[in-house]
């Protein structure tokens, strides 16, 4: 990782466990598409009226009604950071490595 390969880094924040709730909604659509007549098994390909009725369907489904869901992708949960390699190369390298590895190496 260096200035030419990583002039910017970004951090995605998962506020209120939104990604897990979205994954649950996607799993519901995938598992129940034929039962409820969805046009696709993929949540991203559904129309607005189909997405709007998913919370009601989950609330009445005995297998899924105890799960928290969110059917719309999160908005503005990304922070973009410009790295100034010429000012602080070691700090930039450390931060870019942390972002690239997801913090798993620490």
C-alpha atoms as a PDB file:
ATOM      1  CA  UNK A   1       0.000   0.000   0.000  1.00  0.00           C
ATOM      2  CA  UNK A   2       1.405   3.367  -1.023  1.00  0.00           C
ATOM      3  CA  UNK A   3       0.428   6.835  -2.279  1.00  0.00           C
ATOM      4  CA  UNK A   4      -0.291   5.652  -5.808  1.00  0.00           C
ATOM      5  CA  UNK A   5      -2.472   2.706  -4.781  1.00  0.00           C
ATOM      6  CA  UNK A   6      -4.329   4.359  -1.879  1.00  0.00           C
ATOM      7  CA  UNK A   7      -4.758   8.139  -2.173  1.00  0.00           C
ATOM      8  CA  UNK A   8      -8.073   7.760  -0.320  1.00  0.00           C
ATOM      9  CA  UNK A   9      -9.507   5.339   2.204  1.00  0.00           C
ATOM     10  CA  UNK A  10     -13.076   4.898   3.278  1.00  0.00           C
ATOM     11  CA  UNK A  11     -14.815   3.656   6.376  1.00  0.00           C
ATOM     12  CA  UNK A  12     -18.321   2.200   6.335  1.00  0.00           C
ATOM     13  CA  UNK A  13     -20.249   2.509   9.588  1.00  0.00           C
ATOM     14  CA  UNK A  14     -22.961   0.030  10.528  1.00  0.00           C
ATOM     15  CA  UNK A  15     -25.385   2.119  12.547  1.00  0.00           C
ATOM     16  CA  UNK A  16     -27.986   0.240  14.605  1.00  0.00           C
ATOM     17  CA  UNK A  17     -26.909  -3.134  13.144  1.00  0.00           C
ATOM     18  CA  UNK A  18     -28.436  -2.110   9.805  1.00  0.00           C
ATOM     19  CA  UNK A  19     -26.426  -4.555   7.661  1.00  0.00           C
ATOM     20  CA  UNK A  20     -27.561  -7.547   9.673  1.00  0.00           C
ATOM     21  CA  UNK A  21     -31.187  -6.418   9.431  1.00  0.00           C
ATOM     22  CA  UNK A  22     -30.805  -5.908   5.684  1.00  0.00           C
ATOM     23  CA  UNK A  23     -29.266  -9.385   5.345  1.00  0.00           C
ATOM     24  CA  UNK A  24     -32.264 -10.834   7.212  1.00  0.00           C
ATOM     25  CA  UNK A  25     -34.639  -9.092   4.817  1.00  0.00           C
ATOM     26  CA  UNK A  26     -32.671 -10.430   1.831  1.00  0.00           C
ATOM     27  CA  UNK A  27     -32.754 -13.949   3.296  1.00  0.00           C
ATOM     28  CA  UNK A  28     -36.527 -13.664   3.811  1.00  0.00           C
ATOM     29  CA  UNK A  29     -37.032 -12.701   0.161  1.00  0.00           C
ATOM     30  CA  UNK A  30     -34.732 -15.490  -1.019  1.00  0.00           C
ATOM     31  CA  UNK A  31     -36.433 -18.146   1.121  1.00  0.00           C
ATOM     32  CA  UNK A  32     -40.057 -17.115   0.564  1.00  0.00           C
ATOM     33  CA  UNK A  33     -40.146 -15.775  -2.999  1.00  0.00           C
ATOM     34  CA  UNK A  34     -42.533 -18.479  -4.264  1.00  0.00           C
ATOM     35  CA  UNK A  35     -44.737 -18.354  -1.150  1.00  0.00           C
ATOM     36  CA  UNK A  36     -45.372 -14.620  -1.447  1.00  0.00           C
ATOM     37  CA  UNK A  37     -44.988 -14.212  -5.213  1.00  0.00           C
ATOM     38  CA  UNK A  38     -41.959 -11.930  -5.314  1.00  0.00           C
ATOM     39  CA  UNK A  39     -40.690 -11.144  -8.801  1.00  0.00           C
ATOM     40  CA  UNK A  40     -37.139 -12.157  -7.818  1.00  0.00           C
ATOM     41  CA  UNK A  41     -35.200 -14.003  -5.137  1.00  0.00           C
ATOM     42  CA  UNK A  42     -32.848 -10.993  -4.996  1.00  0.00           C
ATOM     43  CA  UNK A  43     -33.990  -8.143  -2.735  1.00  0.00           C
ATOM     44  CA  UNK A  44     -32.123  -5.603  -4.889  1.00  0.00           C
ATOM     45  CA  UNK A  45     -34.254  -6.505  -7.929  1.00  0.00           C
ATOM     46  CA  UNK A  46     -37.654  -6.085  -6.284  1.00  0.00           C
ATOM     47  CA  UNK A  47     -39.941  -3.170  -7.064  1.00  0.00           C
ATOM     48  CA  UNK A  48     -40.949  -0.515  -4.570  1.00  0.00           C
ATOM     49  CA  UNK A  49     -44.394  -1.968  -3.849  1.00  0.00           C
ATOM     50  CA  UNK A  50     -42.893  -5.392  -3.175  1.00  0.00           C
ATOM     51  CA  UNK A  51     -40.324  -3.940  -0.778  1.00  0.00           C
ATOM     52  CA  UNK A  52     -43.032  -1.918   0.963  1.00  0.00           C
ATOM     53  CA  UNK A  53     -45.079  -5.020   1.796  1.00  0.00           C
ATOM     54  CA  UNK A  54     -42.181  -7.093   3.186  1.00  0.00           C
ATOM     55  CA  UNK A  55     -42.500  -5.814   6.812  1.00  0.00           C
ATOM     56  CA  UNK A  56     -46.190  -6.801   6.862  1.00  0.00           C
ATOM     57  CA  UNK A  57     -45.415 -10.211   5.399  1.00  0.00           C
ATOM     58  CA  UNK A  58     -42.682 -10.842   7.958  1.00  0.00           C
ATOM     59  CA  UNK A  59     -44.929  -9.786  10.836  1.00  0.00           C
ATOM     60  CA  UNK A  60     -47.512 -12.421   9.836  1.00  0.00           C
ATOM     61  CA  UNK A  61     -45.051 -15.193   8.953  1.00  0.00           C
ATOM     62  CA  UNK A  62     -44.648 -17.647  11.855  1.00  0.00           C
ATOM     63  CA  UNK A  63     -41.057 -18.525  10.901  1.00  0.00           C
ATOM     64  CA  UNK A  64     -39.786 -14.950  10.507  1.00  0.00           C
ATOM     65  CA  UNK A  65     -41.925 -12.713  12.741  1.00  0.00           C
ATOM     66  CA  UNK A  66     -39.461 -12.510  15.660  1.00  0.00           C
ATOM     67  CA  UNK A  67     -36.622 -11.023  13.576  1.00  0.00           C
ATOM     68  CA  UNK A  68     -35.687  -7.399  13.090  1.00  0.00           C
ATOM     69  CA  UNK A  69     -35.472  -6.312   9.464  1.00  0.00           C
ATOM     70  CA  UNK A  70     -34.542  -3.344   7.334  1.00  0.00           C
ATOM     71  CA  UNK A  71     -35.323  -3.589   3.631  1.00  0.00           C
ATOM     72  CA  UNK A  72     -33.623  -0.450   2.329  1.00  0.00           C
ATOM     73  CA  UNK A  73     -29.856  -0.033   2.013  1.00  0.00           C
ATOM     74  CA  UNK A  74     -28.196   2.360   4.447  1.00  0.00           C
ATOM     75  CA  UNK A  75     -27.660   5.940   3.353  1.00  0.00           C
ATOM     76  CA  UNK A  76     -24.572   8.046   3.988  1.00  0.00           C
ATOM     77  CA  UNK A  77     -22.773   5.628   6.267  1.00  0.00           C
ATOM     78  CA  UNK A  78     -19.447   6.042   4.478  1.00  0.00           C
ATOM     79  CA  UNK A  79     -16.646   8.414   5.444  1.00  0.00           C
ATOM     80  CA  UNK A  80     -13.975   9.086   2.806  1.00  0.00           C
ATOM     81  CA  UNK A  81     -10.540  10.081   4.098  1.00  0.00           C
ATOM     82  CA  UNK A  82      -7.879  11.679   1.908  1.00  0.00           C
ATOM     83  CA  UNK A  83      -4.419  10.489   2.852  1.00  0.00           C
ATOM     84  CA  UNK A  84      -1.543  12.989   2.788  1.00  0.00           C
ATOM     85  CA  UNK A  85       1.366  10.675   2.051  1.00  0.00           C
ATOM     86  CA  UNK A  86       3.814  13.542   1.607  1.00  0.00           C
ATOM     87  CA  UNK A  87       3.109  14.863   5.131  1.00  0.00           C
ATOM     88  CA  UNK A  88       2.814  11.654   7.192  1.00  0.00           C
ATOM     89  CA  UNK A  89       3.778   8.552   5.175  1.00  0.00           C
ATOM     90  CA  UNK A  90       3.958   6.129   8.110  1.00  0.00           C
ATOM     91  CA  UNK A  91       0.588   7.213   9.507  1.00  0.00           C
ATOM     92  CA  UNK A  92      -0.939   6.924   6.017  1.00  0.00           C
ATOM     93  CA  UNK A  93       0.529   3.472   5.526  1.00  0.00           C
ATOM     94  CA  UNK A  94      -0.789   2.303   8.899  1.00  0.00           C
ATOM     95  CA  UNK A  95      -4.252   3.752   8.292  1.00  0.00           C
ATOM     96  CA  UNK A  96      -4.492   2.403   4.729  1.00  0.00           C
ATOM     97  CA  UNK A  97      -3.403  -1.042   5.914  1.00  0.00           C
ATOM     98  CA  UNK A  98      -5.973  -0.956   8.701  1.00  0.00           C
ATOM     99  CA  UNK A  99      -8.715  -0.007   6.213  1.00  0.00           C
ATOM    100  CA  UNK A 100      -7.622  -2.611   3.656  1.00  0.00           C
ATOM    101  CA  UNK A 101      -7.475  -5.432   6.193  1.00  0.00           C
ATOM    102  CA  UNK A 102     -10.645  -4.429   8.010  1.00  0.00           C
ATOM    103  CA  UNK A 103      -8.733  -4.152  11.260  1.00  0.00           C
ATOM    104  CA  UNK A 104      -8.358  -7.947  11.456  1.00  0.00           C
ATOM    105  CA  UNK A 105      -4.578  -7.861  11.682  1.00  0.00           C
ATOM    106  CA  UNK A 106      -4.460  -5.948  14.959  1.00  0.00           C
END
